[in-house]
Amino acid sequence: MITVYYDGKCKVCLKEIEYYQRIAPKGVFYWLDLTDPGSDLKGESFSLVQAMKQLHVKDRQGAVHIGVDAFITIWRELGRWRLLANVVSLPLFYQLSCVVYKVFAQWRFKRLKHCQISGMSKG
C-alpha cells in the first residue's frame, strides 16, 4: 500500500485528499491524517514537522517521496491523473512545479495556527 501523510486540519489539503480518496482504487492507499491524535510516525525517517511542512508519501517499496514527488506518486495511481504525473515529471515542468509547491507549502505552514502550536514552526 501507498501511505499518504497529510494535514487534516488544512482546509485546502483536506479538500484535495478527500477528492483523491473518492476516486482512488480500493486497497491502493492508506491515508494518515497527521492531526489525528492516534497518528504515529515512530520508525519513520521524517518528523511530524517535516510532514506538516510538505506532503509526504511512502510507496509500496518503502521509499519516501516529498512535495511534488509525493503528488506524482499519488497521481500515477489515479486514472486520468497519470497524464498530469507524466507531464509534471518532465524536467522543465518538474523544476517549475517544485518551486511553486515549496513557496505554497511554506506560506501554508506559516499561516496555519495549528502548525504553530507546541513550537512546531521551529522544526
PDB file of N, CA and C in Angstrom:
ATOM      1  N   MET A   1       0.830  -1.200   0.000  1.00  0.00           N
ATOM      2  CA  MET A   1       0.000   0.000   0.000  1.00  0.00           C
ATOM      3  C   MET A   1       0.864   1.249   0.000  1.00  0.00           C
ATOM      4  N   ILE A   2       0.316   2.298  -0.540  1.00  0.00           N
ATOM      5  CA  ILE A   2       0.971   3.598  -0.537  1.00  0.00           C
ATOM      6  C   ILE A   2       0.397   4.392   0.628  1.00  0.00           C
ATOM      7  N   THR A   3       1.265   4.909   1.496  1.00  0.00           N
ATOM      8  CA  THR A   3       0.805   5.683   2.648  1.00  0.00           C
ATOM      9  C   THR A   3       0.938   7.165   2.337  1.00  0.00           C
ATOM     10  N   VAL A   4      -0.155   7.891   2.529  1.00  0.00           N
ATOM     11  CA  VAL A   4      -0.184   9.334   2.301  1.00  0.00           C
ATOM     12  C   VAL A   4      -0.322  10.007   3.658  1.00  0.00           C
ATOM     13  N   TYR A   5       0.666  10.830   4.009  1.00  0.00           N
ATOM     14  CA  TYR A   5       0.678  11.556   5.278  1.00  0.00           C
ATOM     15  C   TYR A   5       0.218  12.984   4.977  1.00  0.00           C
ATOM     16  N   TYR A   6      -0.916  13.381   5.529  1.00  0.00           N
ATOM     17  CA  TYR A   6      -1.464  14.691   5.179  1.00  0.00           C
ATOM     18  C   TYR A   6      -1.950  15.452   6.404  1.00  0.00           C
ATOM     19  N   ASP A   7      -2.106  16.765   6.227  1.00  0.00           N
ATOM     20  CA  ASP A   7      -2.575  17.664   7.280  1.00  0.00           C
ATOM     21  C   ASP A   7      -4.094  17.773   7.179  1.00  0.00           C
ATOM     22  N   GLY A   8      -4.784  17.072   8.053  1.00  0.00           N
ATOM     23  CA  GLY A   8      -6.244  17.043   8.031  1.00  0.00           C
ATOM     24  C   GLY A   8      -6.913  18.297   8.553  1.00  0.00           C
ATOM     25  N   LYS A   9      -6.141  19.222   9.121  1.00  0.00           N
ATOM     26  CA  LYS A   9      -6.727  20.479   9.597  1.00  0.00           C
ATOM     27  C   LYS A   9      -6.583  21.600   8.577  1.00  0.00           C
ATOM     28  N   CYS A  10      -5.815  21.376   7.537  1.00  0.00           N
ATOM     29  CA  CYS A  10      -5.662  22.359   6.467  1.00  0.00           C
ATOM     30  C   CYS A  10      -6.826  22.152   5.503  1.00  0.00           C
ATOM     31  N   LYS A  11      -7.665  23.162   5.351  1.00  0.00           N
ATOM     32  CA  LYS A  11      -8.861  23.022   4.512  1.00  0.00           C
ATOM     33  C   LYS A  11      -8.519  22.715   3.062  1.00  0.00           C
ATOM     34  N   VAL A  12      -7.486  23.340   2.532  1.00  0.00           N
ATOM     35  CA  VAL A  12      -7.068  23.087   1.151  1.00  0.00           C
ATOM     36  C   VAL A  12      -6.570  21.659   1.008  1.00  0.00           C
ATOM     37  N   CYS A  13      -5.697  21.250   1.922  1.00  0.00           N
ATOM     38  CA  CYS A  13      -5.135  19.896   1.893  1.00  0.00           C
ATOM     39  C   CYS A  13      -6.242  18.846   2.011  1.00  0.00           C
ATOM     40  N   LEU A  14      -7.128  19.049   2.971  1.00  0.00           N
ATOM     41  CA  LEU A  14      -8.186  18.082   3.227  1.00  0.00           C
ATOM     42  C   LEU A  14      -9.118  17.946   2.027  1.00  0.00           C
ATOM     43  N   LYS A  15      -9.470  19.062   1.413  1.00  0.00           N
ATOM     44  CA  LYS A  15     -10.357  19.015   0.254  1.00  0.00           C
ATOM     45  C   LYS A  15      -9.724  18.197  -0.874  1.00  0.00           C
ATOM     46  N   GLU A  16      -8.437  18.418  -1.100  1.00  0.00           N
ATOM     47  CA  GLU A  16      -7.746  17.669  -2.156  1.00  0.00           C
ATOM     48  C   GLU A  16      -7.648  16.185  -1.809  1.00  0.00           C
ATOM     49  N   ILE A  17      -7.282  15.878  -0.579  1.00  0.00           N
ATOM     50  CA  ILE A  17      -7.153  14.473  -0.160  1.00  0.00           C
ATOM     51  C   ILE A  17      -8.508  13.770  -0.231  1.00  0.00           C
ATOM     52  N   GLU A  18      -9.562  14.430   0.203  1.00  0.00           N
ATOM     53  CA  GLU A  18     -10.895  13.817   0.125  1.00  0.00           C
ATOM     54  C   GLU A  18     -11.283  13.516  -1.320  1.00  0.00           C
ATOM     55  N   TYR A  19     -10.900  14.393  -2.235  1.00  0.00           N
ATOM     56  CA  TYR A  19     -11.155  14.132  -3.654  1.00  0.00           C
ATOM     57  C   TYR A  19     -10.389  12.884  -4.098  1.00  0.00           C
ATOM     58  N   TYR A  20      -9.109  12.821  -3.752  1.00  0.00           N
ATOM     59  CA  TYR A  20      -8.314  11.646  -4.120  1.00  0.00           C
ATOM     60  C   TYR A  20      -8.898  10.376  -3.510  1.00  0.00           C
ATOM     61  N   GLN A  21      -9.355  10.455  -2.272  1.00  0.00           N
ATOM     62  CA  GLN A  21      -9.951   9.287  -1.618  1.00  0.00           C
ATOM     63  C   GLN A  21     -11.181   8.797  -2.380  1.00  0.00           C
ATOM     64  N   ARG A  22     -11.976   9.724  -2.888  1.00  0.00           N
ATOM     65  CA  ARG A  22     -13.192   9.345  -3.633  1.00  0.00           C
ATOM     66  C   ARG A  22     -12.873   8.635  -4.951  1.00  0.00           C
ATOM     67  N   ILE A  23     -11.800   9.058  -5.619  1.00  0.00           N
ATOM     68  CA  ILE A  23     -11.515   8.491  -6.946  1.00  0.00           C
ATOM     69  C   ILE A  23     -10.465   7.379  -6.925  1.00  0.00           C
ATOM     70  N   ALA A  24      -9.827   7.169  -5.792  1.00  0.00           N
ATOM     71  CA  ALA A  24      -8.750   6.173  -5.705  1.00  0.00           C
ATOM     72  C   ALA A  24      -9.300   4.750  -5.757  1.00  0.00           C
ATOM     73  N   PRO A  25      -8.586   3.871  -6.443  1.00  0.00           N
ATOM     74  CA  PRO A  25      -8.968   2.459  -6.408  1.00  0.00           C
ATOM     75  C   PRO A  25      -8.849   1.923  -4.984  1.00  0.00           C
ATOM     76  N   LYS A  26      -9.695   1.012  -4.638  1.00  0.00           N
ATOM     77  CA  LYS A  26      -9.676   0.417  -3.293  1.00  0.00           C
ATOM     78  C   LYS A  26      -8.388  -0.363  -3.068  1.00  0.00           C
ATOM     79  N   GLY A  27      -7.869  -0.250  -1.849  1.00  0.00           N
ATOM     80  CA  GLY A  27      -6.713  -1.034  -1.452  1.00  0.00           C
ATOM     81  C   GLY A  27      -5.373  -0.530  -1.954  1.00  0.00           C
ATOM     82  N   VAL A  28      -5.328   0.664  -2.546  1.00  0.00           N
ATOM     83  CA  VAL A  28      -4.070   1.198  -3.054  1.00  0.00           C
ATOM     84  C   VAL A  28      -3.405   2.125  -2.044  1.00  0.00           C
ATOM     85  N   PHE A  29      -4.223   2.927  -1.331  1.00  0.00           N
ATOM     86  CA  PHE A  29      -3.694   3.941  -0.428  1.00  0.00           C
ATOM     87  C   PHE A  29      -4.113   3.699   1.016  1.00  0.00           C
ATOM     88  N   TYR A  30      -3.226   4.105   1.907  1.00  0.00           N
ATOM     89  CA  TYR A  30      -3.556   4.239   3.325  1.00  0.00           C
ATOM     90  C   TYR A  30      -3.387   5.717   3.625  1.00  0.00           C
ATOM     91  N   TRP A  31      -4.449   6.355   4.088  1.00  0.00           N
ATOM     92  CA  TRP A  31      -4.461   7.799   4.312  1.00  0.00           C
ATOM     93  C   TRP A  31      -4.240   8.070   5.793  1.00  0.00           C
ATOM     94  N   LEU A  32      -3.160   8.762   6.145  1.00  0.00           N
ATOM     95  CA  LEU A  32      -2.834   9.027   7.543  1.00  0.00           C
ATOM     96  C   LEU A  32      -2.908  10.527   7.819  1.00  0.00           C
ATOM     97  N   ASP A  33      -3.932  10.923   8.563  1.00  0.00           N
ATOM     98  CA  ASP A  33      -4.113  12.318   8.959  1.00  0.00           C
ATOM     99  C   ASP A  33      -3.156  12.610  10.110  1.00  0.00           C
ATOM    100  N   LEU A  34      -2.190  13.463   9.854  1.00  0.00           N
ATOM    101  CA  LEU A  34      -1.174  13.786  10.854  1.00  0.00           C
ATOM    102  C   LEU A  34      -1.729  14.526  12.056  1.00  0.00           C
ATOM    103  N   THR A  35      -2.912  15.110  11.919  1.00  0.00           N
ATOM    104  CA  THR A  35      -3.513  15.849  13.031  1.00  0.00           C
ATOM    105  C   THR A  35      -4.397  14.963  13.897  1.00  0.00           C
ATOM    106  N   ASP A  36      -4.558  13.726  13.513  1.00  0.00           N
ATOM    107  CA  ASP A  36      -5.321  12.767  14.308  1.00  0.00           C
ATOM    108  C   ASP A  36      -4.461  12.371  15.506  1.00  0.00           C
ATOM    109  N   PRO A  37      -4.998  12.507  16.726  1.00  0.00           N
ATOM    110  CA  PRO A  37      -4.200  12.175  17.925  1.00  0.00           C
ATOM    111  C   PRO A  37      -3.644  10.754  17.913  1.00  0.00           C
ATOM    112  N   GLY A  38      -4.260   9.853  17.170  1.00  0.00           N
ATOM    113  CA  GLY A  38      -3.792   8.469  17.117  1.00  0.00           C
ATOM    114  C   GLY A  38      -2.714   8.220  16.076  1.00  0.00           C
ATOM    115  N   SER A  39      -2.384   9.226  15.270  1.00  0.00           N
ATOM    116  CA  SER A  39      -1.372   9.010  14.232  1.00  0.00           C
ATOM    117  C   SER A  39       0.013   8.882  14.875  1.00  0.00           C
ATOM    118  N   ASP A  40       0.814   8.019  14.308  1.00  0.00           N
ATOM    119  CA  ASP A  40       2.113   7.711  14.894  1.00  0.00           C
ATOM    120  C   ASP A  40       3.165   7.670  13.789  1.00  0.00           C
ATOM    121  N   LEU A  41       4.240   8.430  13.968  1.00  0.00           N
ATOM    122  CA  LEU A  41       5.329   8.441  12.987  1.00  0.00           C
ATOM    123  C   LEU A  41       6.577   7.740  13.508  1.00  0.00           C
ATOM    124  N   LYS A  42       6.433   6.993  14.613  1.00  0.00           N
ATOM    125  CA  LYS A  42       7.589   6.261  15.139  1.00  0.00           C
ATOM    126  C   LYS A  42       8.106   5.302  14.073  1.00  0.00           C
ATOM    127  N   GLY A  43       9.397   5.296  13.918  1.00  0.00           N
ATOM    128  CA  GLY A  43      10.005   4.424  12.929  1.00  0.00           C
ATOM    129  C   GLY A  43      10.100   5.032  11.542  1.00  0.00           C
ATOM    130  N   GLU A  44       9.520   6.213  11.365  1.00  0.00           N
ATOM    131  CA  GLU A  44       9.609   6.877  10.060  1.00  0.00           C
ATOM    132  C   GLU A  44      10.912   7.664   9.972  1.00  0.00           C
ATOM    133  N   SER A  45      11.334   7.945   8.771  1.00  0.00           N
ATOM    134  CA  SER A  45      12.589   8.674   8.551  1.00  0.00           C
ATOM    135  C   SER A  45      12.387  10.186   8.543  1.00  0.00           C
ATOM    136  N   PHE A  46      11.182  10.624   8.911  1.00  0.00           N
ATOM    137  CA  PHE A  46      10.871  12.058   8.921  1.00  0.00           C
ATOM    138  C   PHE A  46      10.053  12.384  10.158  1.00  0.00           C
ATOM    139  N   SER A  47      10.094  13.662  10.530  1.00  0.00           N
ATOM    140  CA  SER A  47       9.391  14.113  11.731  1.00  0.00           C
ATOM    141  C   SER A  47       7.994  14.627  11.385  1.00  0.00           C
ATOM    142  N   LEU A  48       7.206  14.848  12.425  1.00  0.00           N
ATOM    143  CA  LEU A  48       5.881  15.434  12.246  1.00  0.00           C
ATOM    144  C   LEU A  48       5.997  16.813  11.603  1.00  0.00           C
ATOM    145  N   VAL A  49       6.956  17.593  12.045  1.00  0.00           N
ATOM    146  CA  VAL A  49       7.142  18.936  11.490  1.00  0.00           C
ATOM    147  C   VAL A  49       7.439  18.857   9.995  1.00  0.00           C
ATOM    148  N   GLN A  50       8.338  17.981   9.606  1.00  0.00           N
ATOM    149  CA  GLN A  50       8.661  17.841   8.188  1.00  0.00           C
ATOM    150  C   GLN A  50       7.431  17.423   7.386  1.00  0.00           C
ATOM    151  N   ALA A  51       6.665  16.502   7.931  1.00  0.00           N
ATOM    152  CA  ALA A  51       5.473  16.019   7.235  1.00  0.00           C
ATOM    153  C   ALA A  51       4.378  17.077   7.164  1.00  0.00           C
ATOM    154  N   MET A  52       4.325  17.945   8.151  1.00  0.00           N
ATOM    155  CA  MET A  52       3.340  19.024   8.122  1.00  0.00           C
ATOM    156  C   MET A  52       3.753  20.127   7.149  1.00  0.00           C
ATOM    157  N   LYS A  53       5.035  20.280   6.937  1.00  0.00           N
ATOM    158  CA  LYS A  53       5.517  21.328   6.036  1.00  0.00           C
ATOM    159  C   LYS A  53       5.297  20.980   4.569  1.00  0.00           C
ATOM    160  N   GLN A  54       5.436  19.705   4.218  1.00  0.00           N
ATOM    161  CA  GLN A  54       5.254  19.269   2.840  1.00  0.00           C
ATOM    162  C   GLN A  54       4.605  17.892   2.830  1.00  0.00           C
ATOM    163  N   LEU A  55       3.804  17.644   1.821  1.00  0.00           N
ATOM    164  CA  LEU A  55       3.164  16.338   1.671  1.00  0.00           C
ATOM    165  C   LEU A  55       4.232  15.247   1.593  1.00  0.00           C
ATOM    166  N   HIS A  56       4.016  14.174   2.340  1.00  0.00           N
ATOM    167  CA  HIS A  56       4.896  13.008   2.321  1.00  0.00           C
ATOM    168  C   HIS A  56       4.079  11.780   1.910  1.00  0.00           C
ATOM    169  N   VAL A  57       4.699  10.924   1.110  1.00  0.00           N
ATOM    170  CA  VAL A  57       4.084   9.674   0.673  1.00  0.00           C
ATOM    171  C   VAL A  57       5.148   8.582   0.759  1.00  0.00           C
ATOM    172  N   LYS A  58       4.753   7.429   1.288  1.00  0.00           N
ATOM    173  CA  LYS A  58       5.650   6.273   1.298  1.00  0.00           C
ATOM    174  C   LYS A  58       5.098   5.265   0.292  1.00  0.00           C
ATOM    175  N   ASP A  59       5.920   4.908  -0.703  1.00  0.00           N
ATOM    176  CA  ASP A  59       5.447   3.993  -1.744  1.00  0.00           C
ATOM    177  C   ASP A  59       5.470   2.541  -1.274  1.00  0.00           C
ATOM    178  N   ARG A  60       5.077   1.648  -2.137  1.00  0.00           N
ATOM    179  CA  ARG A  60       4.971   0.224  -1.801  1.00  0.00           C
ATOM    180  C   ARG A  60       6.313  -0.394  -1.405  1.00  0.00           C
ATOM    181  N   GLN A  61       7.399   0.173  -1.901  1.00  0.00           N
ATOM    182  CA  GLN A  61       8.723  -0.351  -1.586  1.00  0.00           C
ATOM    183  C   GLN A  61       9.313   0.297  -0.327  1.00  0.00           C
ATOM    184  N   GLY A  62       8.588   1.262   0.257  1.00  0.00           N
ATOM    185  CA  GLY A  62       9.046   1.918   1.474  1.00  0.00           C
ATOM    186  C   GLY A  62       9.836   3.194   1.239  1.00  0.00           C
ATOM    187  N   ALA A  63       9.972   3.601  -0.022  1.00  0.00           N
ATOM    188  CA  ALA A  63      10.677   4.856  -0.325  1.00  0.00           C
ATOM    189  C   ALA A  63       9.744   6.033  -0.021  1.00  0.00           C
ATOM    190  N   VAL A  64      10.309   7.084   0.561  1.00  0.00           N
ATOM    191  CA  VAL A  64       9.537   8.273   0.916  1.00  0.00           C
ATOM    192  C   VAL A  64       9.688   9.313  -0.182  1.00  0.00           C
ATOM    193  N   HIS A  65       8.557   9.868  -0.613  1.00  0.00           N
ATOM    194  CA  HIS A  65       8.512  10.916  -1.630  1.00  0.00           C
ATOM    195  C   HIS A  65       7.922  12.163  -0.977  1.00  0.00           C
ATOM    196  N   ILE A  66       8.528  13.305  -1.261  1.00  0.00           N
ATOM    197  CA  ILE A  66       8.151  14.547  -0.596  1.00  0.00           C
ATOM    198  C   ILE A  66       7.771  15.599  -1.627  1.00  0.00           C
ATOM    199  N   GLY A  67       6.747  16.413  -1.288  1.00  0.00           N
ATOM    200  CA  GLY A  67       6.358  17.527  -2.134  1.00  0.00           C
ATOM    201  C   GLY A  67       5.823  17.077  -3.476  1.00  0.00           C
ATOM    202  N   VAL A  68       6.363  17.634  -4.553  1.00  0.00           N
ATOM    203  CA  VAL A  68       5.907  17.313  -5.904  1.00  0.00           C
ATOM    204  C   VAL A  68       6.056  15.815  -6.181  1.00  0.00           C
ATOM    205  N   ASP A  69       7.128  15.217  -5.712  1.00  0.00           N
ATOM    206  CA  ASP A  69       7.325  13.774  -5.905  1.00  0.00           C
ATOM    207  C   ASP A  69       6.212  12.965  -5.227  1.00  0.00           C
ATOM    208  N   ALA A  70       5.724  13.460  -4.098  1.00  0.00           N
ATOM    209  CA  ALA A  70       4.608  12.791  -3.407  1.00  0.00           C
ATOM    210  C   ALA A  70       3.345  12.868  -4.253  1.00  0.00           C
ATOM    211  N   PHE A  71       3.076  14.032  -4.824  1.00  0.00           N
ATOM    212  CA  PHE A  71       1.906  14.169  -5.691  1.00  0.00           C
ATOM    213  C   PHE A  71       2.019  13.271  -6.914  1.00  0.00           C
ATOM    214  N   ILE A  72       3.193  13.223  -7.518  1.00  0.00           N
ATOM    215  CA  ILE A  72       3.396  12.368  -8.688  1.00  0.00           C
ATOM    216  C   ILE A  72       3.119  10.913  -8.327  1.00  0.00           C
ATOM    217  N   THR A  73       3.576  10.491  -7.158  1.00  0.00           N
ATOM    218  CA  THR A  73       3.338   9.115  -6.703  1.00  0.00           C
ATOM    219  C   THR A  73       1.841   8.839  -6.573  1.00  0.00           C
ATOM    220  N   ILE A  74       1.097   9.786  -6.038  1.00  0.00           N
ATOM    221  CA  ILE A  74      -0.362   9.630  -5.905  1.00  0.00           C
ATOM    222  C   ILE A  74      -1.011   9.616  -7.288  1.00  0.00           C
ATOM    223  N   TRP A  75      -0.690  10.616  -8.101  1.00  0.00           N
ATOM    224  CA  TRP A  75      -1.346  10.766  -9.406  1.00  0.00           C
ATOM    225  C   TRP A  75      -1.134   9.555 -10.313  1.00  0.00           C
ATOM    226  N   ARG A  76      -0.008   8.902 -10.191  1.00  0.00           N
ATOM    227  CA  ARG A  76       0.259   7.726 -11.048  1.00  0.00           C
ATOM    228  C   ARG A  76      -0.714   6.586 -10.786  1.00  0.00           C
ATOM    229  N   GLU A  77      -1.425   6.648  -9.669  1.00  0.00           N
ATOM    230  CA  GLU A  77      -2.390   5.605  -9.311  1.00  0.00           C
ATOM    231  C   GLU A  77      -3.838   6.008  -9.595  1.00  0.00           C
ATOM    232  N   LEU A  78      -4.043   7.201 -10.151  1.00  0.00           N
ATOM    233  CA  LEU A  78      -5.392   7.756 -10.259  1.00  0.00           C
ATOM    234  C   LEU A  78      -5.850   7.998 -11.703  1.00  0.00           C
ATOM    235  N   GLY A  79      -5.983   6.956 -12.452  1.00  0.00           N
ATOM    236  CA  GLY A  79      -6.571   7.043 -13.788  1.00  0.00           C
ATOM    237  C   GLY A  79      -6.059   8.194 -14.626  1.00  0.00           C
ATOM    238  N   ARG A  80      -6.957   9.136 -14.934  1.00  0.00           N
ATOM    239  CA  ARG A  80      -6.597  10.262 -15.805  1.00  0.00           C
ATOM    240  C   ARG A  80      -5.504  11.145 -15.220  1.00  0.00           C
ATOM    241  N   TRP A  81      -5.302  11.102 -13.934  1.00  0.00           N
ATOM    242  CA  TRP A  81      -4.263  11.901 -13.295  1.00  0.00           C
ATOM    243  C   TRP A  81      -2.864  11.430 -13.681  1.00  0.00           C
ATOM    244  N   ARG A  82      -2.764  10.217 -14.250  1.00  0.00           N
ATOM    245  CA  ARG A  82      -1.461   9.706 -14.700  1.00  0.00           C
ATOM    246  C   ARG A  82      -0.841  10.638 -15.736  1.00  0.00           C
ATOM    247  N   LEU A  83      -1.688  11.230 -16.575  1.00  0.00           N
ATOM    248  CA  LEU A  83      -1.195  12.162 -17.587  1.00  0.00           C
ATOM    249  C   LEU A  83      -0.503  13.356 -16.919  1.00  0.00           C
ATOM    250  N   LEU A  84      -1.135  13.912 -15.874  1.00  0.00           N
ATOM    251  CA  LEU A  84      -0.522  15.027 -15.160  1.00  0.00           C
ATOM    252  C   LEU A  84       0.793  14.588 -14.519  1.00  0.00           C
ATOM    253  N   ALA A  85       0.822  13.402 -13.960  1.00  0.00           N
ATOM    254  CA  ALA A  85       2.064  12.879 -13.360  1.00  0.00           C
ATOM    255  C   ALA A  85       3.171  12.830 -14.405  1.00  0.00           C
ATOM    256  N   ASN A  86       2.844  12.384 -15.603  1.00  0.00           N
ATOM    257  CA  ASN A  86       3.843  12.296 -16.675  1.00  0.00           C
ATOM    258  C   ASN A  86       4.315  13.679 -17.119  1.00  0.00           C
ATOM    259  N   VAL A  87       3.395  14.622 -17.235  1.00  0.00           N
ATOM    260  CA  VAL A  87       3.755  15.980 -17.646  1.00  0.00           C
ATOM    261  C   VAL A  87       4.612  16.656 -16.578  1.00  0.00           C
ATOM    262  N   VAL A  88       4.185  16.583 -15.327  1.00  0.00           N
ATOM    263  CA  VAL A  88       4.923  17.228 -14.239  1.00  0.00           C
ATOM    264  C   VAL A  88       6.300  16.585 -14.058  1.00  0.00           C
ATOM    265  N   SER A  89       6.455  15.348 -14.457  1.00  0.00           N
ATOM    266  CA  SER A  89       7.744  14.665 -14.351  1.00  0.00           C
ATOM    267  C   SER A  89       8.765  15.149 -15.384  1.00  0.00           C
ATOM    268  N   LEU A  90       8.308  15.825 -16.436  1.00  0.00           N
ATOM    269  CA  LEU A  90       9.233  16.352 -17.449  1.00  0.00           C
ATOM    270  C   LEU A  90      10.098  17.449 -16.828  1.00  0.00           C
ATOM    271  N   PRO A  91      11.382  17.495 -17.185  1.00  0.00           N
ATOM    272  CA  PRO A  91      12.337  18.377 -16.499  1.00  0.00           C
ATOM    273  C   PRO A  91      11.875  19.814 -16.247  1.00  0.00           C
ATOM    274  N   LEU A  92      11.477  20.547 -17.246  1.00  0.00           N
ATOM    275  CA  LEU A  92      11.103  21.949 -17.039  1.00  0.00           C
ATOM    276  C   LEU A  92       9.864  22.072 -16.148  1.00  0.00           C
ATOM    277  N   PHE A  93       8.856  21.262 -16.417  1.00  0.00           N
ATOM    278  CA  PHE A  93       7.632  21.293 -15.612  1.00  0.00           C
ATOM    279  C   PHE A  93       7.919  20.868 -14.173  1.00  0.00           C
ATOM    280  N   TYR A  94       8.787  19.876 -14.020  1.00  0.00           N
ATOM    281  CA  TYR A  94       9.139  19.383 -12.688  1.00  0.00           C
ATOM    282  C   TYR A  94       9.806  20.485 -11.865  1.00  0.00           C
ATOM    283  N   GLN A  95      10.805  21.140 -12.445  1.00  0.00           N
ATOM    284  CA  GLN A  95      11.518  22.193 -11.725  1.00  0.00           C
ATOM    285  C   GLN A  95      10.580  23.333 -11.344  1.00  0.00           C
ATOM    286  N   LEU A  96       9.741  23.757 -12.275  1.00  0.00           N
ATOM    287  CA  LEU A  96       8.788  24.836 -12.002  1.00  0.00           C
ATOM    288  C   LEU A  96       7.795  24.414 -10.917  1.00  0.00           C
ATOM    289  N   SER A  97       7.290  23.197 -11.013  1.00  0.00           N
ATOM    290  CA  SER A  97       6.337  22.683 -10.017  1.00  0.00           C
ATOM    291  C   SER A  97       6.956  22.634  -8.630  1.00  0.00           C
ATOM    292  N   CYS A  98       8.211  22.236  -8.550  1.00  0.00           N
ATOM    293  CA  CYS A  98       8.895  22.170  -7.248  1.00  0.00           C
ATOM    294  C   CYS A  98       9.010  23.553  -6.613  1.00  0.00           C
ATOM    295  N   VAL A  99       9.357  24.547  -7.408  1.00  0.00           N
ATOM    296  CA  VAL A  99       9.478  25.907  -6.892  1.00  0.00           C
ATOM    297  C   VAL A  99       8.129  26.418  -6.416  1.00  0.00           C
ATOM    298  N   VAL A 100       7.100  26.256  -7.243  1.00  0.00           N
ATOM    299  CA  VAL A 100       5.755  26.735  -6.890  1.00  0.00           C
ATOM    300  C   VAL A 100       5.254  26.020  -5.640  1.00  0.00           C
ATOM    301  N   TYR A 101       5.424  24.697  -5.571  1.00  0.00           N
ATOM    302  CA  TYR A 101       4.946  23.948  -4.417  1.00  0.00           C
ATOM    303  C   TYR A 101       5.667  24.375  -3.137  1.00  0.00           C
ATOM    304  N   LYS A 102       6.984  24.553  -3.194  1.00  0.00           N
ATOM    305  CA  LYS A 102       7.729  24.947  -1.985  1.00  0.00           C
ATOM    306  C   LYS A 102       7.265  26.300  -1.461  1.00  0.00           C
ATOM    307  N   VAL A 103       7.028  27.243  -2.379  1.00  0.00           N
ATOM    308  CA  VAL A 103       6.537  28.559  -1.965  1.00  0.00           C
ATOM    309  C   VAL A 103       5.165  28.415  -1.311  1.00  0.00           C
ATOM    310  N   PHE A 104       4.270  27.650  -1.948  1.00  0.00           N
ATOM    311  CA  PHE A 104       2.941  27.435  -1.381  1.00  0.00           C
ATOM    312  C   PHE A 104       3.032  26.735  -0.024  1.00  0.00           C
ATOM    313  N   ALA A 105       3.836  25.689   0.071  1.00  0.00           N
ATOM    314  CA  ALA A 105       3.941  24.907   1.304  1.00  0.00           C
ATOM    315  C   ALA A 105       4.462  25.756   2.462  1.00  0.00           C
ATOM    316  N   GLN A 106       5.453  26.595   2.192  1.00  0.00           N
ATOM    317  CA  GLN A 106       5.977  27.475   3.242  1.00  0.00           C
ATOM    318  C   GLN A 106       4.921  28.482   3.685  1.00  0.00           C
ATOM    319  N   TRP A 107       4.222  29.064   2.746  1.00  0.00           N
ATOM    320  CA  TRP A 107       3.160  30.031   3.048  1.00  0.00           C
ATOM    321  C   TRP A 107       2.059  29.375   3.872  1.00  0.00           C
ATOM    322  N   ARG A 108       1.626  28.184   3.443  1.00  0.00           N
ATOM    323  CA  ARG A 108       0.557  27.451   4.122  1.00  0.00           C
ATOM    324  C   ARG A 108       0.953  27.121   5.550  1.00  0.00           C
ATOM    325  N   PHE A 109       2.167  26.608   5.730  1.00  0.00           N
ATOM    326  CA  PHE A 109       2.630  26.203   7.050  1.00  0.00           C
ATOM    327  C   PHE A 109       2.704  27.399   8.001  1.00  0.00           C
ATOM    328  N   LYS A 110       3.214  28.506   7.531  1.00  0.00           N
ATOM    329  CA  LYS A 110       3.369  29.692   8.379  1.00  0.00           C
ATOM    330  C   LYS A 110       2.040  30.327   8.767  1.00  0.00           C
ATOM    331  N   ARG A 111       1.016  30.192   7.945  1.00  0.00           N
ATOM    332  CA  ARG A 111      -0.244  30.871   8.223  1.00  0.00           C
ATOM    333  C   ARG A 111      -1.227  30.040   9.042  1.00  0.00           C
ATOM    334  N   LEU A 112      -1.031  28.741   9.144  1.00  0.00           N
ATOM    335  CA  LEU A 112      -1.975  27.886   9.866  1.00  0.00           C
ATOM    336  C   LEU A 112      -1.619  27.805  11.346  1.00  0.00           C
ATOM    337  N   LYS A 113      -2.568  28.203  12.180  1.00  0.00           N
ATOM    338  CA  LYS A 113      -2.315  28.256  13.625  1.00  0.00           C
ATOM    339  C   LYS A 113      -1.947  26.898  14.204  1.00  0.00           C
ATOM    340  N   HIS A 114      -2.589  25.826  13.733  1.00  0.00           N
ATOM    341  CA  HIS A 114      -2.279  24.516  14.316  1.00  0.00           C
ATOM    342  C   HIS A 114      -0.847  24.070  14.001  1.00  0.00           C
ATOM    343  N   CYS A 115      -0.226  24.639  12.987  1.00  0.00           N
ATOM    344  CA  CYS A 115       1.177  24.329  12.690  1.00  0.00           C
ATOM    345  C   CYS A 115       2.130  25.081  13.608  1.00  0.00           C
ATOM    346  N   GLN A 116       1.645  26.104  14.268  1.00  0.00           N
ATOM    347  CA  GLN A 116       2.486  26.918  15.139  1.00  0.00           C
ATOM    348  C   GLN A 116       2.433  26.457  16.595  1.00  0.00           C
ATOM    349  N   ILE A 117       1.535  25.545  16.905  1.00  0.00           N
ATOM    350  CA  ILE A 117       1.356  25.051  18.271  1.00  0.00           C
ATOM    351  C   ILE A 117       2.567  24.192  18.684  1.00  0.00           C
ATOM    352  N   SER A 118       2.922  24.280  19.945  1.00  0.00           N
ATOM    353  CA  SER A 118       3.974  23.461  20.550  1.00  0.00           C
ATOM    354  C   SER A 118       5.312  23.613  19.853  1.00  0.00           C
ATOM    355  N   GLY A 119       5.581  24.787  19.332  1.00  0.00           N
ATOM    356  CA  GLY A 119       6.880  25.015  18.719  1.00  0.00           C
ATOM    357  C   GLY A 119       7.076  24.293  17.400  1.00  0.00           C
ATOM    358  N   MET A 120       5.999  23.810  16.772  1.00  0.00           N
ATOM    359  CA  MET A 120       6.124  23.082  15.533  1.00  0.00           C
ATOM    360  C   MET A 120       6.831  23.917  14.461  1.00  0.00           C
ATOM    361  N   SER A 121       6.627  25.225  14.504  1.00  0.00           N
ATOM    362  CA  SER A 121       7.209  26.080  13.465  1.00  0.00           C
ATOM    363  C   SER A 121       8.728  26.177  13.572  1.00  0.00           C
ATOM    364  N   LYS A 122       9.300  25.725  14.674  1.00  0.00           N
ATOM    365  CA  LYS A 122      10.762  25.803  14.850  1.00  0.00           C
ATOM    366  C   LYS A 122      11.487  24.663  14.152  1.00  0.00           C
ATOM    367  N   GLY A 123      10.755  23.556  13.842  1.00  0.00           N
ATOM    368  CA  GLY A 123      11.414  22.362  13.295  1.00  0.00           C
ATOM    369  C   GLY A 123      11.717  22.418  11.900  1.00  0.00           C
TER     370      GLY A 123
END
